[in-house]
Amino acid sequence: MTRFALIVVRHGETRLNKEKIIQGDDPTTKMQQLGREGQGIDEPLSETGFKQAAAAGIFLKDVKFTHVFSSDLIRTKQTVHGILEKSKFCKDMTVKYDSRLRERKYGAAEGRPLSELRAMAKAAGQECPAFTPPGGETLDQLKMRGKDFFEFLCQLILKEAGQNEEFSQEAPSSCLESSLAEIFPLGKNCASTFHSDSGTPGLAASVLVVSHGAYMRSLLDYFLTDLKCSFPATLSRSELTSVSPNTGMTVFILNFEKGGKGKPTAQCVCVNLQGHLAGVSKTP
């Protein structure tokens, strides 16, 4: 049996988030309608966004990550840097930037106000987020992109776990789990409940992924519908389909049976956790 933790964090706030402008995934999109001829839409974090990233980093400072992945857009790069610079253990970790973690592509709607996207959807007789603007990415395409990254991640963890198995007399898996259990409600997955005779191994990996709002919502849908992930009973359907706040955190525990064949079983520990933002002031 191989188990690993997946912690997915949305990037910090950008000015365009605050102004409810669609950012999407294309850093080359022109923004004439905003008076920024020739500039792309790859917007950096706002002052509040940097504060949120720092707050997320302080919250996660004692967590021992084995892998760190991020979207390759500026707002996620700055967020993951803000998180890692506060870490006690992961300051010097190499971040793997992956375009599969980019935000949903909104095509003709990128750089436009959210209200215009909703108007486009209404004119087409549809509603957001199911509506796909011209040149945009459908929800199914976004979901497949998320699935592709997730399957790549699973194969990577399984391969490394297999390679490490023969060498690890005293694996750091319990340390990985206990560092998560300090701040997340792992419940029955808490390392302190596992004993050597329980037959349940510790975590083989603890993975941090920094991505985007619509991407995270699509990934949740994949876990819910395809993996039949179990979620905390207190969560409502609307909470499962809502967009994460900036630097909101969603945590999963994945479990592969021996041999790593087939789909993993998945348990969601929390969705869009945002308690670390309590002391973060908003940009005026």
C-alpha atoms as a PDB file:
ATOM      1  CA  MET A   1       0.000   0.000   0.000  1.00  0.00           C
ATOM      2  CA  THR A   2       1.288   3.461  -0.910  1.00  0.00           C
ATOM      3  CA  ARG A   3      -0.181   6.616   0.572  1.00  0.00           C
ATOM      4  CA  PHE A   4       0.584  10.242  -0.130  1.00  0.00           C
ATOM      5  CA  ALA A   5      -0.791  13.670   0.723  1.00  0.00           C
ATOM      6  CA  LEU A   6      -1.727  16.293  -1.856  1.00  0.00           C
ATOM      7  CA  ILE A   7      -2.090  19.911  -0.717  1.00  0.00           C
ATOM      8  CA  VAL A   8      -3.491  22.222  -3.421  1.00  0.00           C
ATOM      9  CA  VAL A   9      -3.302  25.990  -2.856  1.00  0.00           C
ATOM     10  CA  ARG A  10      -4.760  28.770  -4.980  1.00  0.00           C
ATOM     11  CA  HIS A  11      -2.494  31.708  -5.805  1.00  0.00           C
ATOM     12  CA  GLY A  12      -2.721  34.994  -3.891  1.00  0.00           C
ATOM     13  CA  GLU A  13      -4.848  37.931  -4.953  1.00  0.00           C
ATOM     14  CA  THR A  14      -3.983  39.998  -8.045  1.00  0.00           C
ATOM     15  CA  ARG A  15      -5.310  43.427  -8.918  1.00  0.00           C
ATOM     16  CA  LEU A  16      -7.454  41.812 -11.609  1.00  0.00           C
ATOM     17  CA  ASN A  17      -8.958  39.400  -9.060  1.00  0.00           C
ATOM     18  CA  LYS A  18      -9.966  42.406  -6.996  1.00  0.00           C
ATOM     19  CA  GLU A  19     -11.431  44.147 -10.051  1.00  0.00           C
ATOM     20  CA  LYS A  20     -13.217  40.937 -11.168  1.00  0.00           C
ATOM     21  CA  ILE A  21     -11.388  40.765 -14.482  1.00  0.00           C
ATOM     22  CA  ILE A  22     -11.029  37.341 -16.149  1.00  0.00           C
ATOM     23  CA  GLN A  23      -7.342  36.325 -16.180  1.00  0.00           C
ATOM     24  CA  GLY A  24      -7.366  32.833 -17.664  1.00  0.00           C
ATOM     25  CA  ASP A  25      -4.229  30.992 -18.723  1.00  0.00           C
ATOM     26  CA  ASP A  26      -2.817  32.998 -21.619  1.00  0.00           C
ATOM     27  CA  PRO A  27       0.006  35.415 -20.699  1.00  0.00           C
ATOM     28  CA  THR A  28       0.014  36.827 -24.257  1.00  0.00           C
ATOM     29  CA  THR A  29      -3.599  38.028 -24.225  1.00  0.00           C
ATOM     30  CA  LYS A  30      -3.834  41.720 -25.118  1.00  0.00           C
ATOM     31  CA  MET A  31      -5.707  44.061 -22.806  1.00  0.00           C
ATOM     32  CA  GLN A  32      -6.738  46.995 -25.008  1.00  0.00           C
ATOM     33  CA  GLN A  33     -10.042  47.244 -23.160  1.00  0.00           C
ATOM     34  CA  LEU A  34      -8.091  48.005 -19.980  1.00  0.00           C
ATOM     35  CA  GLY A  35      -5.868  50.576 -21.649  1.00  0.00           C
ATOM     36  CA  ARG A  36      -2.783  48.330 -21.548  1.00  0.00           C
ATOM     37  CA  GLU A  37      -1.920  47.908 -25.211  1.00  0.00           C
ATOM     38  CA  GLY A  38       0.785  45.350 -25.865  1.00  0.00           C
ATOM     39  CA  GLN A  39       0.872  43.861 -22.370  1.00  0.00           C
ATOM     40  CA  GLY A  40      -0.076  40.334 -21.493  1.00  0.00           C
ATOM     41  CA  ILE A  41      -2.563  39.184 -18.894  1.00  0.00           C
ATOM     42  CA  ASP A  42       0.006  37.440 -16.693  1.00  0.00           C
ATOM     43  CA  GLU A  43      -0.738  39.696 -13.734  1.00  0.00           C
ATOM     44  CA  PRO A  44       1.511  39.683 -10.632  1.00  0.00           C
ATOM     45  CA  LEU A  45       0.237  39.542  -7.067  1.00  0.00           C
ATOM     46  CA  SER A  46      -1.201  42.637  -5.443  1.00  0.00           C
ATOM     47  CA  GLU A  47       0.031  43.884  -2.077  1.00  0.00           C
ATOM     48  CA  THR A  48      -2.705  41.822  -0.465  1.00  0.00           C
ATOM     49  CA  GLY A  49      -1.690  38.815  -2.585  1.00  0.00           C
ATOM     50  CA  PHE A  50       1.865  38.928  -1.239  1.00  0.00           C
ATOM     51  CA  LYS A  51       0.494  39.142   2.311  1.00  0.00           C
ATOM     52  CA  GLN A  52      -1.747  36.144   1.642  1.00  0.00           C
ATOM     53  CA  ALA A  53       1.175  34.112   0.277  1.00  0.00           C
ATOM     54  CA  ALA A  54       3.246  34.984   3.345  1.00  0.00           C
ATOM     55  CA  ALA A  55       0.342  34.020   5.636  1.00  0.00           C
ATOM     56  CA  ALA A  56      -0.022  30.696   3.811  1.00  0.00           C
ATOM     57  CA  GLY A  57       3.712  30.140   4.209  1.00  0.00           C
ATOM     58  CA  ILE A  58       3.598  30.820   7.940  1.00  0.00           C
ATOM     59  CA  PHE A  59       0.651  28.426   8.282  1.00  0.00           C
ATOM     60  CA  LEU A  60       2.548  25.698   6.375  1.00  0.00           C
ATOM     61  CA  LYS A  61       6.005  26.454   7.797  1.00  0.00           C
ATOM     62  CA  ASP A  62       6.331  23.163   9.722  1.00  0.00           C
ATOM     63  CA  VAL A  63       4.987  20.927   6.951  1.00  0.00           C
ATOM     64  CA  LYS A  64       7.606  18.731   5.311  1.00  0.00           C
ATOM     65  CA  PHE A  65       6.968  18.619   1.573  1.00  0.00           C
ATOM     66  CA  THR A  66       8.710  16.089  -0.638  1.00  0.00           C
ATOM     67  CA  HIS A  67       7.566  17.617  -3.954  1.00  0.00           C
ATOM     68  CA  VAL A  68       6.469  21.125  -4.967  1.00  0.00           C
ATOM     69  CA  PHE A  69       4.664  21.910  -8.230  1.00  0.00           C
ATOM     70  CA  SER A  70       3.248  25.177  -9.530  1.00  0.00           C
ATOM     71  CA  SER A  71       1.555  26.653 -12.552  1.00  0.00           C
ATOM     72  CA  ASP A  72       4.089  28.582 -14.628  1.00  0.00           C
ATOM     73  CA  LEU A  73       2.184  31.893 -14.492  1.00  0.00           C
ATOM     74  CA  ILE A  74       3.527  34.846 -12.493  1.00  0.00           C
ATOM     75  CA  ARG A  75       0.829  34.863  -9.818  1.00  0.00           C
ATOM     76  CA  THR A  76       1.438  31.229  -8.910  1.00  0.00           C
ATOM     77  CA  LYS A  77       5.237  31.535  -9.094  1.00  0.00           C
ATOM     78  CA  GLN A  78       5.140  34.443  -6.662  1.00  0.00           C
ATOM     79  CA  THR A  79       2.747  32.579  -4.381  1.00  0.00           C
ATOM     80  CA  VAL A  80       4.806  29.401  -4.174  1.00  0.00           C
ATOM     81  CA  HIS A  81       7.938  31.478  -3.513  1.00  0.00           C
ATOM     82  CA  GLY A  82       6.099  33.334  -0.745  1.00  0.00           C
ATOM     83  CA  ILE A  83       5.086  30.015   0.814  1.00  0.00           C
ATOM     84  CA  LEU A  84       8.498  28.337   0.638  1.00  0.00           C
ATOM     85  CA  GLU A  85      10.488  31.294   1.967  1.00  0.00           C
ATOM     86  CA  LYS A  86       8.627  30.908   5.292  1.00  0.00           C
ATOM     87  CA  SER A  87       9.260  27.152   5.487  1.00  0.00           C
ATOM     88  CA  LYS A  88      11.513  25.616   8.122  1.00  0.00           C
ATOM     89  CA  PHE A  89      12.334  22.635   5.927  1.00  0.00           C
ATOM     90  CA  CYS A  90      11.643  23.475   2.277  1.00  0.00           C
ATOM     91  CA  LYS A  91      13.235  26.889   1.626  1.00  0.00           C
ATOM     92  CA  ASP A  92      15.653  25.469  -0.939  1.00  0.00           C
ATOM     93  CA  MET A  93      13.320  22.986  -2.611  1.00  0.00           C
ATOM     94  CA  THR A  94      13.213  23.009  -6.390  1.00  0.00           C
ATOM     95  CA  VAL A  95       9.783  23.994  -7.709  1.00  0.00           C
ATOM     96  CA  LYS A  96       8.637  22.180 -10.829  1.00  0.00           C
ATOM     97  CA  TYR A  97       6.605  24.549 -13.005  1.00  0.00           C
ATOM     98  CA  ASP A  98       3.988  22.804 -15.123  1.00  0.00           C
ATOM     99  CA  SER A  99       1.715  24.409 -17.722  1.00  0.00           C
ATOM    100  CA  ARG A 100      -0.899  21.705 -17.031  1.00  0.00           C
ATOM    101  CA  LEU A 101      -1.577  23.551 -13.762  1.00  0.00           C
ATOM    102  CA  ARG A 102      -2.532  26.811 -15.495  1.00  0.00           C
ATOM    103  CA  GLU A 103      -5.927  28.428 -15.099  1.00  0.00           C
ATOM    104  CA  ARG A 104      -8.771  27.566 -17.444  1.00  0.00           C
ATOM    105  CA  LYS A 105      -8.380  29.207 -20.835  1.00  0.00           C
ATOM    106  CA  TYR A 106     -11.209  31.717 -21.311  1.00  0.00           C
ATOM    107  CA  GLY A 107     -10.458  32.721 -24.903  1.00  0.00           C
ATOM    108  CA  ALA A 108     -12.317  35.863 -25.968  1.00  0.00           C
ATOM    109  CA  ALA A 109     -13.328  36.571 -22.356  1.00  0.00           C
ATOM    110  CA  GLU A 110      -9.782  36.921 -21.042  1.00  0.00           C
ATOM    111  CA  GLY A 111      -9.037  40.458 -19.928  1.00  0.00           C
ATOM    112  CA  ARG A 112     -12.744  41.288 -19.751  1.00  0.00           C
ATOM    113  CA  PRO A 113     -14.891  41.867 -16.654  1.00  0.00           C
ATOM    114  CA  LEU A 114     -16.619  38.846 -15.144  1.00  0.00           C
ATOM    115  CA  SER A 115     -19.921  40.614 -15.834  1.00  0.00           C
ATOM    116  CA  GLU A 116     -19.178  40.436 -19.581  1.00  0.00           C
ATOM    117  CA  LEU A 117     -18.510  36.709 -19.379  1.00  0.00           C
ATOM    118  CA  ARG A 118     -21.861  36.244 -17.643  1.00  0.00           C
ATOM    119  CA  ALA A 119     -23.540  38.367 -20.321  1.00  0.00           C
ATOM    120  CA  MET A 120     -21.912  36.267 -23.056  1.00  0.00           C
ATOM    121  CA  ALA A 121     -23.184  33.122 -21.356  1.00  0.00           C
ATOM    122  CA  LYS A 122     -26.697  34.529 -21.004  1.00  0.00           C
ATOM    123  CA  ALA A 123     -26.767  35.528 -24.687  1.00  0.00           C
ATOM    124  CA  ALA A 124     -25.843  31.938 -25.554  1.00  0.00           C
ATOM    125  CA  GLY A 125     -28.634  30.613 -23.328  1.00  0.00           C
ATOM    126  CA  GLN A 126     -26.159  29.154 -20.833  1.00  0.00           C
ATOM    127  CA  GLU A 127     -24.795  29.862 -17.389  1.00  0.00           C
ATOM    128  CA  CYS A 128     -21.301  30.150 -15.948  1.00  0.00           C
ATOM    129  CA  PRO A 129     -19.171  28.142 -15.449  1.00  0.00           C
ATOM    130  CA  ALA A 130     -20.537  25.666 -18.019  1.00  0.00           C
ATOM    131  CA  PHE A 131     -20.379  28.298 -20.782  1.00  0.00           C
ATOM    132  CA  THR A 132     -17.277  28.198 -22.987  1.00  0.00           C
ATOM    133  CA  PRO A 133     -16.330  31.554 -24.588  1.00  0.00           C
ATOM    134  CA  PRO A 134     -15.037  31.537 -28.191  1.00  0.00           C
ATOM    135  CA  GLY A 135     -11.506  30.182 -28.169  1.00  0.00           C
ATOM    136  CA  GLY A 136     -11.891  29.024 -24.576  1.00  0.00           C
ATOM    137  CA  GLU A 137     -11.409  25.688 -22.878  1.00  0.00           C
ATOM    138  CA  THR A 138     -14.430  23.530 -22.104  1.00  0.00           C
ATOM    139  CA  LEU A 139     -14.911  22.151 -18.606  1.00  0.00           C
ATOM    140  CA  ASP A 140     -14.245  18.655 -19.970  1.00  0.00           C
ATOM    141  CA  GLN A 141     -10.963  19.803 -21.508  1.00  0.00           C
ATOM    142  CA  LEU A 142      -9.953  21.445 -18.243  1.00  0.00           C
ATOM    143  CA  LYS A 143     -10.855  18.305 -16.331  1.00  0.00           C
ATOM    144  CA  MET A 144      -8.786  16.142 -18.678  1.00  0.00           C
ATOM    145  CA  ARG A 145      -5.805  18.467 -18.181  1.00  0.00           C
ATOM    146  CA  GLY A 146      -6.175  18.087 -14.424  1.00  0.00           C
ATOM    147  CA  LYS A 147      -6.500  14.316 -14.758  1.00  0.00           C
ATOM    148  CA  ASP A 148      -3.384  14.194 -16.922  1.00  0.00           C
ATOM    149  CA  PHE A 149      -1.311  16.005 -14.295  1.00  0.00           C
ATOM    150  CA  PHE A 150      -2.761  13.939 -11.444  1.00  0.00           C
ATOM    151  CA  GLU A 151      -2.010  10.630 -13.179  1.00  0.00           C
ATOM    152  CA  PHE A 152       1.531  11.819 -13.909  1.00  0.00           C
ATOM    153  CA  LEU A 153       1.916  12.708 -10.217  1.00  0.00           C
ATOM    154  CA  CYS A 154       0.625   9.325  -9.060  1.00  0.00           C
ATOM    155  CA  GLN A 155       3.031   7.452 -11.322  1.00  0.00           C
ATOM    156  CA  LEU A 156       5.921   9.592 -10.086  1.00  0.00           C
ATOM    157  CA  ILE A 157       5.104   8.912  -6.425  1.00  0.00           C
ATOM    158  CA  LEU A 158       4.589   5.181  -7.008  1.00  0.00           C
ATOM    159  CA  LYS A 159       7.866   4.897  -8.905  1.00  0.00           C
ATOM    160  CA  GLU A 160       9.807   6.724  -6.199  1.00  0.00           C
ATOM    161  CA  ALA A 161       8.103   4.747  -3.434  1.00  0.00           C
ATOM    162  CA  GLY A 162       9.113   1.509  -5.143  1.00  0.00           C
ATOM    163  CA  GLN A 163      12.705   2.663  -5.502  1.00  0.00           C
ATOM    164  CA  ASN A 164      12.907   3.809  -1.881  1.00  0.00           C
ATOM    165  CA  GLU A 165      11.239   0.770  -0.332  1.00  0.00           C
ATOM    166  CA  GLU A 166      14.338  -1.417  -0.158  1.00  0.00           C
ATOM    167  CA  PHE A 167      16.474   1.343   1.338  1.00  0.00           C
ATOM    168  CA  SER A 168      14.146   2.781   3.998  1.00  0.00           C
ATOM    169  CA  GLN A 169      14.633   0.976   7.272  1.00  0.00           C
ATOM    170  CA  GLU A 170      13.172   3.907   9.153  1.00  0.00           C
ATOM    171  CA  ALA A 171      11.312   6.004   6.597  1.00  0.00           C
ATOM    172  CA  PRO A 172      10.395   9.630   7.393  1.00  0.00           C
ATOM    173  CA  SER A 173       6.773   8.884   6.489  1.00  0.00           C
ATOM    174  CA  SER A 174       5.507   9.319  10.053  1.00  0.00           C
ATOM    175  CA  CYS A 175       7.225  12.727  10.164  1.00  0.00           C
ATOM    176  CA  LEU A 176       5.476  13.738   6.943  1.00  0.00           C
ATOM    177  CA  GLU A 177       2.131  12.770   8.392  1.00  0.00           C
ATOM    178  CA  SER A 178       2.623  14.270  11.824  1.00  0.00           C
ATOM    179  CA  SER A 179       3.673  17.620  10.308  1.00  0.00           C
ATOM    180  CA  LEU A 180       0.368  17.712   8.413  1.00  0.00           C
ATOM    181  CA  ALA A 181      -1.673  16.530  11.383  1.00  0.00           C
ATOM    182  CA  GLU A 182      -0.478  19.548  13.379  1.00  0.00           C
ATOM    183  CA  ILE A 183      -2.513  21.929  11.207  1.00  0.00           C
ATOM    184  CA  PHE A 184      -5.025  19.904   9.170  1.00  0.00           C
ATOM    185  CA  PRO A 185      -7.921  17.796  10.531  1.00  0.00           C
ATOM    186  CA  LEU A 186      -6.594  14.451   9.317  1.00  0.00           C
ATOM    187  CA  GLY A 187      -8.848  12.530  11.678  1.00  0.00           C
ATOM    188  CA  LYS A 188      -8.345   8.806  11.329  1.00  0.00           C
ATOM    189  CA  ASN A 189      -5.443   9.466   8.978  1.00  0.00           C
ATOM    190  CA  CYS A 190      -3.454  11.102  11.756  1.00  0.00           C
ATOM    191  CA  ALA A 191      -0.061   9.448  12.121  1.00  0.00           C
ATOM    192  CA  SER A 192      -0.478   9.191  15.892  1.00  0.00           C
ATOM    193  CA  THR A 193      -3.248   6.639  15.367  1.00  0.00           C
ATOM    194  CA  PHE A 194      -0.999   4.335  13.359  1.00  0.00           C
ATOM    195  CA  HIS A 195       1.057   1.696  15.075  1.00  0.00           C
ATOM    196  CA  SER A 196       3.574  -0.675  13.602  1.00  0.00           C
ATOM    197  CA  ASP A 197       1.095  -3.531  13.861  1.00  0.00           C
ATOM    198  CA  SER A 198      -1.805  -1.672  12.230  1.00  0.00           C
ATOM    199  CA  GLY A 199      -0.788  -2.608   8.705  1.00  0.00           C
ATOM    200  CA  THR A 200      -1.270   0.991   7.538  1.00  0.00           C
ATOM    201  CA  PRO A 201       1.921   2.605   6.230  1.00  0.00           C
ATOM    202  CA  GLY A 202       2.853   6.228   6.699  1.00  0.00           C
ATOM    203  CA  LEU A 203       2.931   8.697   3.858  1.00  0.00           C
ATOM    204  CA  ALA A 204       5.326   8.056   0.988  1.00  0.00           C
ATOM    205  CA  ALA A 205       5.166  11.708  -0.072  1.00  0.00           C
ATOM    206  CA  SER A 206       3.690  15.089   0.806  1.00  0.00           C
ATOM    207  CA  VAL A 207       3.044  17.157  -2.325  1.00  0.00           C
ATOM    208  CA  LEU A 208       2.367  20.894  -2.553  1.00  0.00           C
ATOM    209  CA  VAL A 209       0.646  22.178  -5.719  1.00  0.00           C
ATOM    210  CA  VAL A 210      -0.036  25.889  -6.338  1.00  0.00           C
ATOM    211  CA  SER A 211      -2.639  26.540  -9.017  1.00  0.00           C
ATOM    212  CA  HIS A 212      -5.779  28.543  -9.856  1.00  0.00           C
ATOM    213  CA  GLY A 213      -9.442  28.874  -8.862  1.00  0.00           C
ATOM    214  CA  ALA A 214     -11.273  27.295 -11.815  1.00  0.00           C
ATOM    215  CA  TYR A 215      -8.569  24.626 -12.115  1.00  0.00           C
ATOM    216  CA  MET A 216      -8.975  23.654  -8.462  1.00  0.00           C
ATOM    217  CA  ARG A 217     -12.752  23.495  -8.808  1.00  0.00           C
ATOM    218  CA  SER A 218     -12.374  21.203 -11.830  1.00  0.00           C
ATOM    219  CA  LEU A 219      -9.896  18.996  -9.939  1.00  0.00           C
ATOM    220  CA  LEU A 220     -12.393  18.696  -7.086  1.00  0.00           C
ATOM    221  CA  ASP A 221     -15.009  17.584  -9.604  1.00  0.00           C
ATOM    222  CA  TYR A 222     -12.636  14.927 -10.939  1.00  0.00           C
ATOM    223  CA  PHE A 223     -11.981  13.630  -7.434  1.00  0.00           C
ATOM    224  CA  LEU A 224     -15.691  13.612  -6.642  1.00  0.00           C
ATOM    225  CA  THR A 225     -17.053  12.049  -9.832  1.00  0.00           C
ATOM    226  CA  ASP A 226     -14.191   9.902 -11.151  1.00  0.00           C
ATOM    227  CA  LEU A 227     -12.338   8.836  -8.013  1.00  0.00           C
ATOM    228  CA  LYS A 228     -15.458   8.756  -5.791  1.00  0.00           C
ATOM    229  CA  CYS A 229     -13.471  10.677  -3.205  1.00  0.00           C
ATOM    230  CA  SER A 230     -14.905  10.822   0.303  1.00  0.00           C
ATOM    231  CA  PHE A 231     -15.440  14.331   1.637  1.00  0.00           C
ATOM    232  CA  PRO A 232     -16.071  15.650   5.148  1.00  0.00           C
ATOM    233  CA  ALA A 233     -19.748  15.138   5.966  1.00  0.00           C
ATOM    234  CA  THR A 234     -20.090  18.770   6.998  1.00  0.00           C
ATOM    235  CA  LEU A 235     -19.413  20.028   3.458  1.00  0.00           C
ATOM    236  CA  SER A 236     -22.378  21.087   1.335  1.00  0.00           C
ATOM    237  CA  ARG A 237     -22.586  20.634  -2.421  1.00  0.00           C
ATOM    238  CA  SER A 238     -22.258  24.390  -2.887  1.00  0.00           C
ATOM    239  CA  GLU A 239     -19.006  24.380  -0.901  1.00  0.00           C
ATOM    240  CA  LEU A 240     -17.644  21.649  -3.144  1.00  0.00           C
ATOM    241  CA  THR A 241     -18.427  23.654  -6.280  1.00  0.00           C
ATOM    242  CA  SER A 242     -17.433  27.129  -5.069  1.00  0.00           C
ATOM    243  CA  VAL A 243     -14.233  28.824  -6.172  1.00  0.00           C
ATOM    244  CA  SER A 244     -11.459  28.795  -3.605  1.00  0.00           C
ATOM    245  CA  PRO A 245     -10.527  32.111  -2.006  1.00  0.00           C
ATOM    246  CA  ASN A 246      -7.025  33.331  -2.795  1.00  0.00           C
ATOM    247  CA  THR A 247      -4.504  31.013  -1.068  1.00  0.00           C
ATOM    248  CA  GLY A 248      -7.360  28.724   0.006  1.00  0.00           C
ATOM    249  CA  MET A 249      -6.094  25.184   0.681  1.00  0.00           C
ATOM    250  CA  THR A 250      -7.603  21.815  -0.211  1.00  0.00           C
ATOM    251  CA  VAL A 251      -6.017  18.629   1.136  1.00  0.00           C
ATOM    252  CA  PHE A 252      -6.340  15.019  -0.038  1.00  0.00           C
ATOM    253  CA  ILE A 253      -4.933  11.705   1.171  1.00  0.00           C
ATOM    254  CA  LEU A 254      -4.450   9.224  -1.708  1.00  0.00           C
ATOM    255  CA  ASN A 255      -4.128   5.505  -1.143  1.00  0.00           C
ATOM    256  CA  PHE A 256      -2.895   2.929  -3.676  1.00  0.00           C
ATOM    257  CA  GLU A 257      -3.252  -0.737  -2.906  1.00  0.00           C
ATOM    258  CA  LYS A 258      -0.151  -2.930  -3.208  1.00  0.00           C
ATOM    259  CA  GLY A 259       1.170  -2.931  -6.737  1.00  0.00           C
ATOM    260  CA  GLY A 260      -0.249   0.496  -7.536  1.00  0.00           C
ATOM    261  CA  LYS A 261      -2.729  -0.848 -10.080  1.00  0.00           C
ATOM    262  CA  GLY A 262      -6.023   0.894 -10.792  1.00  0.00           C
ATOM    263  CA  LYS A 263      -7.335   4.136  -9.376  1.00  0.00           C
ATOM    264  CA  PRO A 264      -6.392   5.223  -5.874  1.00  0.00           C
ATOM    265  CA  THR A 265      -8.933   5.651  -3.131  1.00  0.00           C
ATOM    266  CA  ALA A 266      -9.105   9.283  -2.103  1.00  0.00           C
ATOM    267  CA  GLN A 267     -10.126  11.072   1.042  1.00  0.00           C
ATOM    268  CA  CYS A 268     -10.571  14.844   1.170  1.00  0.00           C
ATOM    269  CA  VAL A 269      -9.431  16.294   4.481  1.00  0.00           C
ATOM    270  CA  CYS A 270     -10.603  19.871   3.889  1.00  0.00           C
ATOM    271  CA  VAL A 271     -11.769  22.139   1.051  1.00  0.00           C
ATOM    272  CA  ASN A 272     -10.733  25.768   0.519  1.00  0.00           C
ATOM    273  CA  LEU A 273      -9.353  26.165   4.045  1.00  0.00           C
ATOM    274  CA  GLN A 274      -8.742  29.859   4.729  1.00  0.00           C
ATOM    275  CA  GLY A 275      -8.182  30.280   8.451  1.00  0.00           C
ATOM    276  CA  HIS A 276      -4.638  31.552   7.842  1.00  0.00           C
ATOM    277  CA  LEU A 277      -6.129  34.672   6.183  1.00  0.00           C
ATOM    278  CA  ALA A 278      -7.817  35.950   9.348  1.00  0.00           C
ATOM    279  CA  GLY A 279      -5.175  38.590  10.010  1.00  0.00           C
ATOM    280  CA  VAL A 280      -4.525  39.628   6.412  1.00  0.00           C
ATOM    281  CA  SER A 281      -5.774  43.118   5.621  1.00  0.00           C
ATOM    282  CA  LYS A 282      -7.267  43.887   2.230  1.00  0.00           C
ATOM    283  CA  THR A 283      -5.676  46.325  -0.194  1.00  0.00           C
ATOM    284  CA  PRO A 284      -7.503  49.693   0.130  1.00  0.00           C
END
